[in-house]
Amino acid sequence: MARYLLLAMAALVSGCAHSPYKAPTPGKPIAVLVFRQDSETLAPNRQGGIFAVDGHPVAKEDHFSVDVTPGHHVLAFLCPGWMYVDGFPTMAHDFRSGQHYELHCENSGVYISP
């Protein structure tokens, strides 16, 4: 009985440790999204980056580069110097496996480029 309990606990722990927003296992298809960092836009005391993917918070150390599974995702982000009241601005995008993308914050608007 104890052996089955130990196996069940191991399966539960390993299942919770895998997420489409963490480092992928070898062979798993991913797309990489990078928040473009310019020295002027990310001056000291200016917050910016990717804060959530499909409503799931992104770890603080990953605000500038996120691995996502291919498909349609909604990103919550903040451009440096922007202010928000009711939550981060969001943007939807379709990601393809093996592609690298950049999220750009410009005066003309926000866009994602491959």
N, C-alpha and C. Protein backbone atom coordinates (compact mmCIF):
# COMPACT_ATOMS: atom_id res chain seq x y z
N MET A 1 0.82 -1.19 0.00
CA MET A 1 0.00 0.00 0.00
C MET A 1 0.87 1.25 0.00
N ALA A 2 1.90 1.24 0.84
CA ALA A 2 2.79 2.40 0.92
C ALA A 2 3.50 2.64 -0.41
N ARG A 3 3.80 1.57 -1.12
CA ARG A 3 4.47 1.68 -2.41
C ARG A 3 3.58 2.41 -3.41
N TYR A 4 2.27 2.10 -3.43
CA TYR A 4 1.34 2.76 -4.34
C TYR A 4 1.15 4.23 -3.98
N LEU A 5 1.13 4.51 -2.69
CA LEU A 5 1.00 5.89 -2.24
C LEU A 5 2.20 6.71 -2.68
N LEU A 6 3.39 6.13 -2.56
CA LEU A 6 4.61 6.82 -2.99
C LEU A 6 4.60 7.06 -4.49
N LEU A 7 4.17 6.10 -5.29
CA LEU A 7 4.08 6.27 -6.73
C LEU A 7 3.05 7.34 -7.11
N ALA A 8 1.93 7.37 -6.42
CA ALA A 8 0.90 8.37 -6.69
C ALA A 8 1.42 9.77 -6.36
N MET A 9 2.13 9.90 -5.26
CA MET A 9 2.68 11.21 -4.89
C MET A 9 3.72 11.66 -5.91
N ALA A 10 4.56 10.76 -6.37
CA ALA A 10 5.58 11.10 -7.37
C ALA A 10 4.93 11.54 -8.68
N ALA A 11 3.87 10.88 -9.10
CA ALA A 11 3.16 11.26 -10.32
C ALA A 11 2.51 12.63 -10.18
N LEU A 12 1.94 12.91 -9.03
CA LEU A 12 1.31 14.20 -8.78
C LEU A 12 2.33 15.32 -8.80
N VAL A 13 3.45 15.15 -8.13
CA VAL A 13 4.49 16.18 -8.08
C VAL A 13 5.07 16.42 -9.46
N SER A 14 5.36 15.39 -10.20
CA SER A 14 5.96 15.58 -11.52
C SER A 14 4.96 16.20 -12.49
N GLY A 15 3.69 15.91 -12.35
CA GLY A 15 2.67 16.49 -13.22
C GLY A 15 2.49 17.97 -12.96
N CYS A 16 2.59 18.39 -11.71
CA CYS A 16 2.44 19.81 -11.38
C CYS A 16 3.66 20.63 -11.79
N ALA A 17 4.79 20.00 -11.94
CA ALA A 17 6.01 20.73 -12.26
C ALA A 17 6.09 21.09 -13.73
N HIS A 18 5.24 20.50 -14.58
CA HIS A 18 5.29 20.77 -16.00
C HIS A 18 4.23 21.79 -16.37
N SER A 19 4.62 22.81 -17.10
CA SER A 19 3.71 23.86 -17.51
C SER A 19 4.17 24.36 -18.87
N PRO A 20 3.27 24.83 -19.74
CA PRO A 20 3.70 25.33 -21.04
C PRO A 20 4.50 26.62 -20.95
N TYR A 21 4.66 27.20 -19.76
CA TYR A 21 5.35 28.47 -19.62
C TYR A 21 6.69 28.31 -18.90
N LYS A 22 7.15 27.09 -18.71
CA LYS A 22 8.44 26.82 -18.09
C LYS A 22 9.37 26.27 -19.17
N ALA A 23 10.60 25.97 -18.78
CA ALA A 23 11.53 25.38 -19.72
C ALA A 23 10.97 24.06 -20.22
N PRO A 24 10.94 23.85 -21.54
CA PRO A 24 10.32 22.64 -22.07
C PRO A 24 11.21 21.41 -21.90
N THR A 25 10.57 20.26 -21.93
CA THR A 25 11.34 19.03 -21.93
C THR A 25 11.92 18.83 -23.32
N PRO A 26 13.03 18.12 -23.45
CA PRO A 26 13.63 17.93 -24.78
C PRO A 26 12.62 17.34 -25.77
N GLY A 27 12.61 17.90 -26.96
CA GLY A 27 11.73 17.40 -27.99
C GLY A 27 10.34 18.01 -27.97
N LYS A 28 10.00 18.78 -26.96
CA LYS A 28 8.68 19.39 -26.89
C LYS A 28 8.68 20.67 -27.74
N PRO A 29 7.72 20.83 -28.64
CA PRO A 29 7.72 22.02 -29.49
C PRO A 29 7.37 23.27 -28.69
N ILE A 30 8.13 24.33 -28.93
CA ILE A 30 7.90 25.61 -28.25
C ILE A 30 8.08 26.76 -29.22
N ALA A 31 7.65 27.92 -28.81
CA ALA A 31 7.96 29.19 -29.45
C ALA A 31 8.53 30.07 -28.35
N VAL A 32 9.42 30.98 -28.70
CA VAL A 32 10.05 31.85 -27.72
C VAL A 32 9.62 33.28 -27.99
N LEU A 33 9.11 33.95 -26.96
CA LEU A 33 8.72 35.35 -27.05
C LEU A 33 9.65 36.17 -26.18
N VAL A 34 10.27 37.18 -26.77
CA VAL A 34 11.22 38.04 -26.07
C VAL A 34 10.64 39.45 -26.01
N PHE A 35 10.69 40.06 -24.84
CA PHE A 35 10.30 41.46 -24.69
C PHE A 35 11.51 42.30 -25.08
N ARG A 36 11.37 43.08 -26.13
CA ARG A 36 12.50 43.86 -26.63
C ARG A 36 12.94 44.86 -25.58
N GLN A 37 14.22 44.80 -25.22
CA GLN A 37 14.76 45.67 -24.18
C GLN A 37 15.74 46.67 -24.79
N ASP A 38 15.34 47.91 -24.81
CA ASP A 38 16.22 48.99 -25.24
C ASP A 38 16.70 49.72 -24.00
N SER A 39 17.94 50.18 -24.01
CA SER A 39 18.48 50.85 -22.82
C SER A 39 17.68 52.08 -22.45
N GLU A 40 17.14 52.79 -23.43
CA GLU A 40 16.37 54.00 -23.13
C GLU A 40 14.99 53.65 -22.56
N THR A 41 14.35 52.62 -23.10
CA THR A 41 13.00 52.31 -22.63
C THR A 41 13.00 51.63 -21.28
N LEU A 42 14.08 50.92 -20.94
CA LEU A 42 14.13 50.26 -19.64
C LEU A 42 15.13 50.94 -18.72
N ALA A 43 15.04 52.25 -18.64
CA ALA A 43 15.87 53.02 -17.72
C ALA A 43 15.50 52.63 -16.29
N PRO A 44 16.36 52.93 -15.32
CA PRO A 44 16.04 52.60 -13.93
C PRO A 44 14.66 53.13 -13.52
N ASN A 45 13.98 52.39 -12.68
CA ASN A 45 12.65 52.73 -12.17
C ASN A 45 11.54 52.65 -13.22
N ARG A 46 11.80 52.03 -14.36
CA ARG A 46 10.76 51.85 -15.37
C ARG A 46 10.45 50.37 -15.46
N GLN A 47 9.22 50.03 -15.18
CA GLN A 47 8.80 48.64 -15.21
C GLN A 47 8.32 48.28 -16.61
N GLY A 48 8.60 47.08 -17.02
CA GLY A 48 8.12 46.62 -18.32
C GLY A 48 8.35 45.14 -18.44
N GLY A 49 7.61 44.50 -19.34
CA GLY A 49 7.81 43.08 -19.58
C GLY A 49 6.51 42.35 -19.79
N ILE A 50 6.61 41.02 -19.87
CA ILE A 50 5.48 40.13 -20.04
C ILE A 50 5.12 39.60 -18.66
N PHE A 51 3.87 39.76 -18.25
CA PHE A 51 3.48 39.43 -16.88
C PHE A 51 2.56 38.22 -16.77
N ALA A 52 1.89 37.84 -17.87
CA ALA A 52 1.04 36.65 -17.83
C ALA A 52 0.81 36.12 -19.24
N VAL A 53 0.62 34.81 -19.34
CA VAL A 53 0.26 34.16 -20.59
C VAL A 53 -1.02 33.37 -20.32
N ASP A 54 -2.08 33.69 -21.04
CA ASP A 54 -3.39 33.05 -20.86
C ASP A 54 -3.86 33.12 -19.41
N GLY A 55 -3.57 34.23 -18.74
CA GLY A 55 -3.99 34.42 -17.36
C GLY A 55 -3.09 33.80 -16.32
N HIS A 56 -2.05 33.07 -16.73
CA HIS A 56 -1.11 32.45 -15.80
C HIS A 56 0.08 33.38 -15.60
N PRO A 57 0.35 33.81 -14.36
CA PRO A 57 1.46 34.73 -14.12
C PRO A 57 2.80 34.15 -14.57
N VAL A 58 3.66 35.04 -15.05
CA VAL A 58 5.01 34.68 -15.48
C VAL A 58 5.95 35.01 -14.32
N ALA A 59 6.89 34.13 -14.03
CA ALA A 59 7.85 34.37 -12.95
C ALA A 59 8.62 35.66 -13.20
N LYS A 60 8.95 36.36 -12.13
CA LYS A 60 9.61 37.65 -12.23
C LYS A 60 10.88 37.59 -13.08
N GLU A 61 11.66 36.52 -12.94
CA GLU A 61 12.90 36.42 -13.70
C GLU A 61 12.66 36.13 -15.18
N ASP A 62 11.41 35.81 -15.57
CA ASP A 62 11.09 35.51 -16.96
C ASP A 62 10.30 36.63 -17.66
N HIS A 63 10.20 37.80 -17.08
CA HIS A 63 9.41 38.88 -17.68
C HIS A 63 9.91 39.31 -19.05
N PHE A 64 11.16 39.00 -19.38
CA PHE A 64 11.72 39.45 -20.65
C PHE A 64 11.87 38.35 -21.68
N SER A 65 11.63 37.09 -21.32
CA SER A 65 11.71 35.98 -22.26
C SER A 65 10.84 34.84 -21.75
N VAL A 66 9.88 34.41 -22.58
CA VAL A 66 8.92 33.39 -22.17
C VAL A 66 8.86 32.31 -23.25
N ASP A 67 8.87 31.05 -22.84
CA ASP A 67 8.64 29.92 -23.74
C ASP A 67 7.16 29.61 -23.72
N VAL A 68 6.53 29.51 -24.89
CA VAL A 68 5.11 29.17 -24.97
C VAL A 68 4.91 28.00 -25.92
N THR A 69 3.86 27.25 -25.70
CA THR A 69 3.52 26.18 -26.62
C THR A 69 2.94 26.82 -27.89
N PRO A 70 3.05 26.15 -29.02
CA PRO A 70 2.46 26.71 -30.24
C PRO A 70 0.95 26.87 -30.09
N GLY A 71 0.42 27.86 -30.78
CA GLY A 71 -1.03 28.09 -30.75
C GLY A 71 -1.36 29.52 -30.39
N HIS A 72 -2.62 29.74 -30.10
CA HIS A 72 -3.15 31.06 -29.80
C HIS A 72 -3.03 31.35 -28.30
N HIS A 73 -2.38 32.46 -27.96
CA HIS A 73 -2.21 32.82 -26.56
C HIS A 73 -2.52 34.29 -26.36
N VAL A 74 -3.01 34.62 -25.17
CA VAL A 74 -3.28 36.01 -24.78
C VAL A 74 -2.20 36.41 -23.78
N LEU A 75 -1.49 37.50 -24.09
CA LEU A 75 -0.38 37.97 -23.28
C LEU A 75 -0.79 39.21 -22.50
N ALA A 76 -0.41 39.26 -21.24
CA ALA A 76 -0.56 40.48 -20.43
C ALA A 76 0.84 41.06 -20.31
N PHE A 77 0.99 42.32 -20.66
CA PHE A 77 2.31 42.93 -20.72
C PHE A 77 2.22 44.37 -20.23
N LEU A 78 3.36 44.99 -20.09
CA LEU A 78 3.40 46.41 -19.77
C LEU A 78 4.62 47.02 -20.45
N CYS A 79 4.38 48.08 -21.20
CA CYS A 79 5.48 48.80 -21.84
C CYS A 79 6.06 49.77 -20.82
N PRO A 80 7.38 49.97 -20.84
CA PRO A 80 8.01 50.90 -19.89
C PRO A 80 7.40 52.30 -19.99
N GLY A 81 7.12 52.87 -18.84
CA GLY A 81 6.56 54.22 -18.79
C GLY A 81 5.04 54.24 -18.84
N TRP A 82 4.39 53.12 -19.15
CA TRP A 82 2.93 53.05 -19.18
C TRP A 82 2.40 52.94 -17.76
N MET A 83 1.17 53.37 -17.59
CA MET A 83 0.48 53.20 -16.32
C MET A 83 -0.75 52.35 -16.57
N TYR A 84 -1.19 51.61 -15.56
CA TYR A 84 -2.41 50.81 -15.69
C TYR A 84 -3.20 50.91 -14.41
N VAL A 85 -4.52 50.73 -14.54
CA VAL A 85 -5.40 50.84 -13.38
C VAL A 85 -6.11 49.51 -13.11
N ASP A 86 -6.78 48.97 -14.12
CA ASP A 86 -7.61 47.78 -13.94
C ASP A 86 -6.92 46.49 -14.38
N GLY A 87 -5.64 46.50 -14.58
CA GLY A 87 -4.93 45.30 -15.02
C GLY A 87 -4.03 45.62 -16.19
N PHE A 88 -3.14 44.69 -16.47
CA PHE A 88 -2.20 44.90 -17.57
C PHE A 88 -2.93 44.90 -18.92
N PRO A 89 -2.41 45.66 -19.90
CA PRO A 89 -2.96 45.55 -21.25
C PRO A 89 -2.73 44.13 -21.77
N THR A 90 -3.57 43.68 -22.68
CA THR A 90 -3.42 42.34 -23.23
C THR A 90 -3.36 42.40 -24.75
N MET A 91 -2.79 41.34 -25.31
CA MET A 91 -2.67 41.20 -26.76
C MET A 91 -2.71 39.71 -27.08
N ALA A 92 -3.46 39.34 -28.10
CA ALA A 92 -3.53 37.94 -28.53
C ALA A 92 -2.62 37.74 -29.74
N HIS A 93 -2.03 36.55 -29.82
CA HIS A 93 -1.15 36.24 -30.95
C HIS A 93 -1.11 34.74 -31.16
N ASP A 94 -0.93 34.33 -32.41
CA ASP A 94 -0.75 32.91 -32.75
C ASP A 94 0.73 32.63 -32.88
N PHE A 95 1.22 31.65 -32.13
CA PHE A 95 2.64 31.30 -32.12
C PHE A 95 2.86 29.98 -32.84
N ARG A 96 3.97 29.90 -33.58
CA ARG A 96 4.32 28.69 -34.31
C ARG A 96 5.54 28.05 -33.66
N SER A 97 5.58 26.75 -33.68
CA SER A 97 6.68 25.98 -33.09
C SER A 97 8.02 26.35 -33.72
N GLY A 98 9.04 26.51 -32.86
CA GLY A 98 10.39 26.77 -33.33
C GLY A 98 10.67 28.22 -33.71
N GLN A 99 9.69 29.09 -33.63
CA GLN A 99 9.87 30.49 -34.00
C GLN A 99 10.28 31.33 -32.80
N HIS A 100 11.03 32.38 -33.07
CA HIS A 100 11.39 33.38 -32.05
C HIS A 100 10.62 34.66 -32.39
N TYR A 101 9.98 35.24 -31.38
CA TYR A 101 9.18 36.44 -31.56
C TYR A 101 9.69 37.54 -30.63
N GLU A 102 9.45 38.79 -31.02
CA GLU A 102 9.78 39.94 -30.17
C GLU A 102 8.54 40.79 -29.99
N LEU A 103 8.29 41.21 -28.75
CA LEU A 103 7.22 42.15 -28.47
C LEU A 103 7.85 43.54 -28.43
N HIS A 104 7.36 44.44 -29.29
CA HIS A 104 7.91 45.79 -29.41
C HIS A 104 6.93 46.81 -28.84
N CYS A 105 7.44 47.73 -28.06
CA CYS A 105 6.67 48.88 -27.58
C CYS A 105 7.21 50.11 -28.30
N GLU A 106 6.39 50.70 -29.14
CA GLU A 106 6.82 51.87 -29.89
C GLU A 106 5.78 52.96 -29.75
N ASN A 107 6.14 54.17 -30.11
CA ASN A 107 5.18 55.28 -30.06
C ASN A 107 3.97 55.01 -30.97
N SER A 108 4.21 54.30 -32.07
CA SER A 108 3.12 54.03 -33.01
C SER A 108 2.22 52.88 -32.55
N GLY A 109 2.64 52.14 -31.53
CA GLY A 109 1.82 51.05 -31.03
C GLY A 109 2.65 49.87 -30.58
N VAL A 110 1.95 48.82 -30.15
CA VAL A 110 2.61 47.59 -29.67
C VAL A 110 2.37 46.52 -30.73
N TYR A 111 3.42 45.78 -31.05
CA TYR A 111 3.27 44.69 -32.01
C TYR A 111 4.27 43.59 -31.71
N ILE A 112 3.99 42.41 -32.27
CA ILE A 112 4.88 41.25 -32.13
C ILE A 112 5.41 40.92 -33.52
N SER A 113 6.72 40.77 -33.62
CA SER A 113 7.34 40.42 -34.89
C SER A 113 8.08 39.10 -34.78
N PRO A 114 8.08 38.31 -35.87
CA PRO A 114 8.84 37.05 -35.84
C PRO A 114 10.33 37.30 -36.01
